[in-house]
Amino acid sequence: MAADPPTRPHAPAAGHEDFAGVPDAFGRLWTPHRMAYIKGENRPSGPGQDEECPFDRAPKQSDEDSLIVARGSLVYAVLNLYPYNPGHLMVVPYRHVADYTDLTAPETAEFAEFTKRAIRALRQASGPHGFNIGMNLGAVAGAGIAAHLHQHIVPRWGGDTNFMPVVSRTRVLPQLLADTRKLLAEAWPQKPQEPQRP
């Protein structure tokens, strides 16, 4: 006995649906906010302070509007607007410098201290299993904003990578950035902690 021939799905009514194509089994996850990153919006094109650097603008706004988690005297911690993982923070000097070697000794000390505080806050707020911490110095090294130094603190969990970034160049984040900022700001250690001694 021969099988029935496959049938086409019901044709949509005339109109814009005609151009949508035949429905398939794939779900869609739309991430229109990523288009700003792809187009390079808010990214300075050169090394000068007059380039409207987003890291120079952020401290002039409220913490909530700029996603700043904590402010120090010389540096601040801010959520990455285009995070690799939930809680992806950056430590940024207020002073507009491009290279780590351009930091003063006090800036370097607070930069390091804020990195430690970021790790502690992330551990308290979300319990990651590990971290990627680093800087990309220069555009050729992958710096999206090469004109203003910043260090990434990316929390990691076992199994946090999946097919989405590979197949569709999309990250799936389970929490809004404003909610993540509030959670981390509440968990941020207010003073340096001394290492535990045996």
C-alpha atoms as a PDB file:
ATOM      1  CA  MET A   1       0.000   0.000   0.000  1.00  0.00           C
ATOM      2  CA  ALA A   2       1.474   3.340  -1.028  1.00  0.00           C
ATOM      3  CA  ALA A   3       1.835   6.178   1.478  1.00  0.00           C
ATOM      4  CA  ASP A   4      -0.110   9.323   0.938  1.00  0.00           C
ATOM      5  CA  PRO A   5       1.930  12.058  -0.729  1.00  0.00           C
ATOM      6  CA  PRO A   6       3.136  14.826   1.619  1.00  0.00           C
ATOM      7  CA  THR A   7       0.798  17.751   1.840  1.00  0.00           C
ATOM      8  CA  ARG A   8       1.766  21.407   1.975  1.00  0.00           C
ATOM      9  CA  PRO A   9       0.841  23.383   5.061  1.00  0.00           C
ATOM     10  CA  HIS A  10      -2.278  25.474   4.729  1.00  0.00           C
ATOM     11  CA  ALA A  11      -1.411  28.510   2.623  1.00  0.00           C
ATOM     12  CA  PRO A  12      -1.662  31.796   4.537  1.00  0.00           C
ATOM     13  CA  ALA A  13      -4.096  34.466   3.492  1.00  0.00           C
ATOM     14  CA  ALA A  14      -2.858  37.066   1.043  1.00  0.00           C
ATOM     15  CA  GLY A  15      -0.818  39.835   2.598  1.00  0.00           C
ATOM     16  CA  HIS A  16       2.548  40.211   4.298  1.00  0.00           C
ATOM     17  CA  GLU A  17       2.389  36.582   5.495  1.00  0.00           C
ATOM     18  CA  ASP A  18       2.962  35.496   1.888  1.00  0.00           C
ATOM     19  CA  PHE A  19       6.592  36.446   2.306  1.00  0.00           C
ATOM     20  CA  ALA A  20       7.151  34.634   5.596  1.00  0.00           C
ATOM     21  CA  GLY A  21       7.774  31.295   3.911  1.00  0.00           C
ATOM     22  CA  VAL A  22       6.729  27.838   4.895  1.00  0.00           C
ATOM     23  CA  PRO A  23       6.662  27.312   8.663  1.00  0.00           C
ATOM     24  CA  ASP A  24       9.443  25.095   9.953  1.00  0.00           C
ATOM     25  CA  ALA A  25      10.201  23.362  13.229  1.00  0.00           C
ATOM     26  CA  PHE A  26      12.656  26.016  14.450  1.00  0.00           C
ATOM     27  CA  GLY A  27      11.879  28.354  17.306  1.00  0.00           C
ATOM     28  CA  ARG A  28      13.059  31.940  17.132  1.00  0.00           C
ATOM     29  CA  LEU A  29      14.877  33.931  19.791  1.00  0.00           C
ATOM     30  CA  TRP A  30      14.996  37.550  18.709  1.00  0.00           C
ATOM     31  CA  THR A  31      17.783  39.692  20.176  1.00  0.00           C
ATOM     32  CA  PRO A  32      17.385  43.107  18.552  1.00  0.00           C
ATOM     33  CA  HIS A  33      19.500  44.765  21.285  1.00  0.00           C
ATOM     34  CA  ARG A  34      22.540  42.999  19.787  1.00  0.00           C
ATOM     35  CA  MET A  35      22.200  45.098  16.616  1.00  0.00           C
ATOM     36  CA  ALA A  36      23.638  48.124  18.453  1.00  0.00           C
ATOM     37  CA  TYR A  37      26.777  46.102  19.211  1.00  0.00           C
ATOM     38  CA  ILE A  38      27.017  44.718  15.683  1.00  0.00           C
ATOM     39  CA  LYS A  39      26.739  48.225  14.217  1.00  0.00           C
ATOM     40  CA  GLY A  40      29.325  49.557  16.673  1.00  0.00           C
ATOM     41  CA  GLU A  41      27.017  52.129  18.247  1.00  0.00           C
ATOM     42  CA  ASN A  42      28.549  54.102  21.125  1.00  0.00           C
ATOM     43  CA  ARG A  43      32.001  52.813  20.218  1.00  0.00           C
ATOM     44  CA  PRO A  44      34.659  55.521  19.894  1.00  0.00           C
ATOM     45  CA  SER A  45      36.498  55.423  16.596  1.00  0.00           C
ATOM     46  CA  GLY A  46      39.799  56.818  17.797  1.00  0.00           C
ATOM     47  CA  PRO A  47      42.023  57.362  20.790  1.00  0.00           C
ATOM     48  CA  GLY A  48      40.904  60.854  21.768  1.00  0.00           C
ATOM     49  CA  GLN A  49      38.757  61.857  24.741  1.00  0.00           C
ATOM     50  CA  ASP A  50      36.565  63.864  22.379  1.00  0.00           C
ATOM     51  CA  GLU A  51      35.243  60.659  20.812  1.00  0.00           C
ATOM     52  CA  GLU A  52      32.282  60.441  23.244  1.00  0.00           C
ATOM     53  CA  CYS A  53      33.658  57.343  24.957  1.00  0.00           C
ATOM     54  CA  PRO A  54      30.907  55.368  26.722  1.00  0.00           C
ATOM     55  CA  PHE A  55      33.284  54.711  29.639  1.00  0.00           C
ATOM     56  CA  ASP A  56      33.687  58.486  30.062  1.00  0.00           C
ATOM     57  CA  ARG A  57      29.911  59.056  29.830  1.00  0.00           C
ATOM     58  CA  ALA A  58      28.826  56.281  32.208  1.00  0.00           C
ATOM     59  CA  PRO A  59      30.053  57.835  35.488  1.00  0.00           C
ATOM     60  CA  LYS A  60      28.185  61.067  34.672  1.00  0.00           C
ATOM     61  CA  GLN A  61      24.852  59.199  34.781  1.00  0.00           C
ATOM     62  CA  SER A  62      23.006  57.479  37.610  1.00  0.00           C
ATOM     63  CA  ASP A  63      24.198  54.008  38.561  1.00  0.00           C
ATOM     64  CA  GLU A  64      20.919  52.524  37.356  1.00  0.00           C
ATOM     65  CA  ASP A  65      21.033  54.242  33.960  1.00  0.00           C
ATOM     66  CA  SER A  66      24.678  53.397  33.314  1.00  0.00           C
ATOM     67  CA  LEU A  67      24.589  49.912  34.951  1.00  0.00           C
ATOM     68  CA  ILE A  68      27.344  50.880  37.398  1.00  0.00           C
ATOM     69  CA  VAL A  69      27.555  48.366  40.234  1.00  0.00           C
ATOM     70  CA  ALA A  70      30.088  50.201  42.431  1.00  0.00           C
ATOM     71  CA  ARG A  71      32.164  53.392  42.379  1.00  0.00           C
ATOM     72  CA  GLY A  72      35.600  53.912  43.846  1.00  0.00           C
ATOM     73  CA  SER A  73      37.833  56.976  43.963  1.00  0.00           C
ATOM     74  CA  LEU A  74      39.751  56.097  40.783  1.00  0.00           C
ATOM     75  CA  VAL A  75      37.848  53.213  39.153  1.00  0.00           C
ATOM     76  CA  TYR A  76      34.316  51.867  38.895  1.00  0.00           C
ATOM     77  CA  ALA A  77      32.651  48.518  38.168  1.00  0.00           C
ATOM     78  CA  VAL A  78      29.982  48.362  35.482  1.00  0.00           C
ATOM     79  CA  LEU A  79      27.962  45.602  33.837  1.00  0.00           C
ATOM     80  CA  ASN A  80      28.869  44.820  30.255  1.00  0.00           C
ATOM     81  CA  LEU A  81      26.028  45.979  28.016  1.00  0.00           C
ATOM     82  CA  TYR A  82      26.729  42.988  25.723  1.00  0.00           C
ATOM     83  CA  PRO A  83      27.573  40.259  28.275  1.00  0.00           C
ATOM     84  CA  TYR A  84      29.073  36.865  27.554  1.00  0.00           C
ATOM     85  CA  ASN A  85      27.334  35.502  30.650  1.00  0.00           C
ATOM     86  CA  PRO A  86      24.968  36.888  33.291  1.00  0.00           C
ATOM     87  CA  GLY A  87      26.911  39.126  35.661  1.00  0.00           C
ATOM     88  CA  HIS A  88      29.697  39.957  33.178  1.00  0.00           C
ATOM     89  CA  LEU A  89      31.359  42.951  34.855  1.00  0.00           C
ATOM     90  CA  MET A  90      34.089  45.347  33.817  1.00  0.00           C
ATOM     91  CA  VAL A  91      36.437  47.366  36.020  1.00  0.00           C
ATOM     92  CA  VAL A  92      37.172  50.737  34.389  1.00  0.00           C
ATOM     93  CA  PRO A  93      39.388  53.648  35.427  1.00  0.00           C
ATOM     94  CA  TYR A  94      37.669  57.040  35.429  1.00  0.00           C
ATOM     95  CA  ARG A  95      40.700  58.495  33.679  1.00  0.00           C
ATOM     96  CA  HIS A  96      40.667  57.985  29.915  1.00  0.00           C
ATOM     97  CA  VAL A  97      43.732  55.785  29.299  1.00  0.00           C
ATOM     98  CA  ALA A  98      44.176  53.044  26.730  1.00  0.00           C
ATOM     99  CA  ASP A  99      47.004  50.982  28.195  1.00  0.00           C
ATOM    100  CA  TYR A 100      47.424  49.182  31.507  1.00  0.00           C
ATOM    101  CA  THR A 101      50.954  50.575  31.845  1.00  0.00           C
ATOM    102  CA  ASP A 102      49.503  54.117  31.791  1.00  0.00           C
ATOM    103  CA  LEU A 103      47.740  53.602  35.138  1.00  0.00           C
ATOM    104  CA  THR A 104      49.243  55.310  38.161  1.00  0.00           C
ATOM    105  CA  ALA A 105      50.213  53.204  41.189  1.00  0.00           C
ATOM    106  CA  PRO A 106      47.045  54.232  43.108  1.00  0.00           C
ATOM    107  CA  GLU A 107      44.873  53.478  40.042  1.00  0.00           C
ATOM    108  CA  THR A 108      46.528  50.068  39.664  1.00  0.00           C
ATOM    109  CA  ALA A 109      45.908  49.266  43.334  1.00  0.00           C
ATOM    110  CA  GLU A 110      42.220  50.216  43.212  1.00  0.00           C
ATOM    111  CA  PHE A 111      41.823  48.444  39.846  1.00  0.00           C
ATOM    112  CA  ALA A 112      43.133  45.227  41.462  1.00  0.00           C
ATOM    113  CA  GLU A 113      41.012  45.725  44.600  1.00  0.00           C
ATOM    114  CA  PHE A 114      37.851  46.238  42.520  1.00  0.00           C
ATOM    115  CA  THR A 115      38.609  43.047  40.595  1.00  0.00           C
ATOM    116  CA  LYS A 116      38.727  41.162  43.916  1.00  0.00           C
ATOM    117  CA  ARG A 117      35.487  42.799  45.084  1.00  0.00           C
ATOM    118  CA  ALA A 118      33.786  41.918  41.790  1.00  0.00           C
ATOM    119  CA  ILE A 119      34.712  38.263  42.260  1.00  0.00           C
ATOM    120  CA  ARG A 120      33.395  38.305  45.834  1.00  0.00           C
ATOM    121  CA  ALA A 121      30.137  40.005  44.817  1.00  0.00           C
ATOM    122  CA  LEU A 122      29.558  37.559  41.981  1.00  0.00           C
ATOM    123  CA  ARG A 123      30.261  34.589  44.242  1.00  0.00           C
ATOM    124  CA  GLN A 124      27.784  35.871  46.815  1.00  0.00           C
ATOM    125  CA  ALA A 125      25.102  36.843  44.295  1.00  0.00           C
ATOM    126  CA  SER A 126      25.182  33.917  41.888  1.00  0.00           C
ATOM    127  CA  GLY A 127      27.710  31.263  42.944  1.00  0.00           C
ATOM    128  CA  PRO A 128      29.684  30.817  39.714  1.00  0.00           C
ATOM    129  CA  HIS A 129      32.041  27.836  39.453  1.00  0.00           C
ATOM    130  CA  GLY A 130      34.892  29.917  38.003  1.00  0.00           C
ATOM    131  CA  PHE A 131      35.838  33.143  36.233  1.00  0.00           C
ATOM    132  CA  ASN A 132      37.504  34.454  33.110  1.00  0.00           C
ATOM    133  CA  ILE A 133      39.375  37.660  33.957  1.00  0.00           C
ATOM    134  CA  GLY A 134      41.320  39.729  31.471  1.00  0.00           C
ATOM    135  CA  MET A 135      41.946  42.727  29.258  1.00  0.00           C
ATOM    136  CA  ASN A 136      42.260  43.151  25.524  1.00  0.00           C
ATOM    137  CA  LEU A 137      44.842  45.873  24.873  1.00  0.00           C
ATOM    138  CA  GLY A 138      44.362  47.304  21.385  1.00  0.00           C
ATOM    139  CA  ALA A 139      41.796  46.648  18.681  1.00  0.00           C
ATOM    140  CA  VAL A 140      43.909  43.889  17.139  1.00  0.00           C
ATOM    141  CA  ALA A 141      43.759  42.054  20.488  1.00  0.00           C
ATOM    142  CA  GLY A 142      39.953  42.178  20.446  1.00  0.00           C
ATOM    143  CA  ALA A 143      39.218  45.322  22.438  1.00  0.00           C
ATOM    144  CA  GLY A 144      35.788  46.614  21.442  1.00  0.00           C
ATOM    145  CA  ILE A 145      36.646  49.985  22.978  1.00  0.00           C
ATOM    146  CA  ALA A 146      40.415  50.119  22.656  1.00  0.00           C
ATOM    147  CA  ALA A 147      40.680  53.801  23.592  1.00  0.00           C
ATOM    148  CA  HIS A 148      39.663  53.261  27.225  1.00  0.00           C
ATOM    149  CA  LEU A 149      41.183  50.497  29.347  1.00  0.00           C
ATOM    150  CA  HIS A 150      38.777  48.044  30.949  1.00  0.00           C
ATOM    151  CA  GLN A 151      39.087  44.606  32.508  1.00  0.00           C
ATOM    152  CA  HIS A 152      36.474  41.902  32.093  1.00  0.00           C
ATOM    153  CA  ILE A 153      35.305  39.671  34.934  1.00  0.00           C
ATOM    154  CA  VAL A 154      33.139  36.937  33.415  1.00  0.00           C
ATOM    155  CA  PRO A 155      31.470  34.446  35.769  1.00  0.00           C
ATOM    156  CA  ARG A 156      31.405  30.868  34.496  1.00  0.00           C
ATOM    157  CA  TRP A 157      29.338  27.806  35.364  1.00  0.00           C
ATOM    158  CA  GLY A 158      29.825  24.196  34.348  1.00  0.00           C
ATOM    159  CA  GLY A 159      27.846  23.690  31.151  1.00  0.00           C
ATOM    160  CA  ASP A 160      27.265  27.416  30.573  1.00  0.00           C
ATOM    161  CA  THR A 161      28.205  27.138  26.926  1.00  0.00           C
ATOM    162  CA  ASN A 162      25.705  25.733  24.482  1.00  0.00           C
ATOM    163  CA  PHE A 163      24.933  25.736  20.790  1.00  0.00           C
ATOM    164  CA  MET A 164      23.385  29.225  20.690  1.00  0.00           C
ATOM    165  CA  PRO A 165      26.618  31.264  20.387  1.00  0.00           C
ATOM    166  CA  VAL A 166      28.069  28.790  17.890  1.00  0.00           C
ATOM    167  CA  VAL A 167      25.062  28.289  15.666  1.00  0.00           C
ATOM    168  CA  SER A 168      23.291  31.628  15.884  1.00  0.00           C
ATOM    169  CA  ARG A 169      25.835  34.009  17.414  1.00  0.00           C
ATOM    170  CA  THR A 170      23.307  34.675  20.199  1.00  0.00           C
ATOM    171  CA  ARG A 171      23.736  34.588  23.966  1.00  0.00           C
ATOM    172  CA  VAL A 172      20.808  33.558  26.124  1.00  0.00           C
ATOM    173  CA  LEU A 173      20.683  35.557  29.348  1.00  0.00           C
ATOM    174  CA  PRO A 174      18.118  34.659  32.003  1.00  0.00           C
ATOM    175  CA  GLN A 175      18.000  38.041  33.727  1.00  0.00           C
ATOM    176  CA  LEU A 176      17.560  41.671  32.718  1.00  0.00           C
ATOM    177  CA  LEU A 177      20.700  43.812  33.100  1.00  0.00           C
ATOM    178  CA  ALA A 178      18.962  46.201  35.515  1.00  0.00           C
ATOM    179  CA  ASP A 179      18.051  43.269  37.779  1.00  0.00           C
ATOM    180  CA  THR A 180      21.602  41.894  37.601  1.00  0.00           C
ATOM    181  CA  ARG A 181      23.034  45.350  38.435  1.00  0.00           C
ATOM    182  CA  LYS A 182      20.802  45.640  41.515  1.00  0.00           C
ATOM    183  CA  LEU A 183      21.699  42.148  42.724  1.00  0.00           C
ATOM    184  CA  LEU A 184      25.452  42.751  42.358  1.00  0.00           C
ATOM    185  CA  ALA A 185      25.337  46.250  43.846  1.00  0.00           C
ATOM    186  CA  GLU A 186      23.672  44.797  46.948  1.00  0.00           C
ATOM    187  CA  ALA A 187      26.332  42.056  47.175  1.00  0.00           C
ATOM    188  CA  TRP A 188      29.298  44.412  46.568  1.00  0.00           C
ATOM    189  CA  PRO A 189      31.789  44.370  49.497  1.00  0.00           C
ATOM    190  CA  GLN A 190      32.105  47.900  50.873  1.00  0.00           C
ATOM    191  CA  LYS A 191      35.634  47.561  52.214  1.00  0.00           C
ATOM    192  CA  PRO A 192      38.641  45.450  51.324  1.00  0.00           C
ATOM    193  CA  GLN A 193      38.782  42.081  53.019  1.00  0.00           C
ATOM    194  CA  GLU A 194      42.021  40.864  54.503  1.00  0.00           C
ATOM    195  CA  PRO A 195      43.107  37.391  53.413  1.00  0.00           C
ATOM    196  CA  GLN A 196      42.330  34.636  55.890  1.00  0.00           C
ATOM    197  CA  ARG A 197      45.487  33.481  57.656  1.00  0.00           C
ATOM    198  CA  PRO A 198      45.875  30.009  59.160  1.00  0.00           C
END
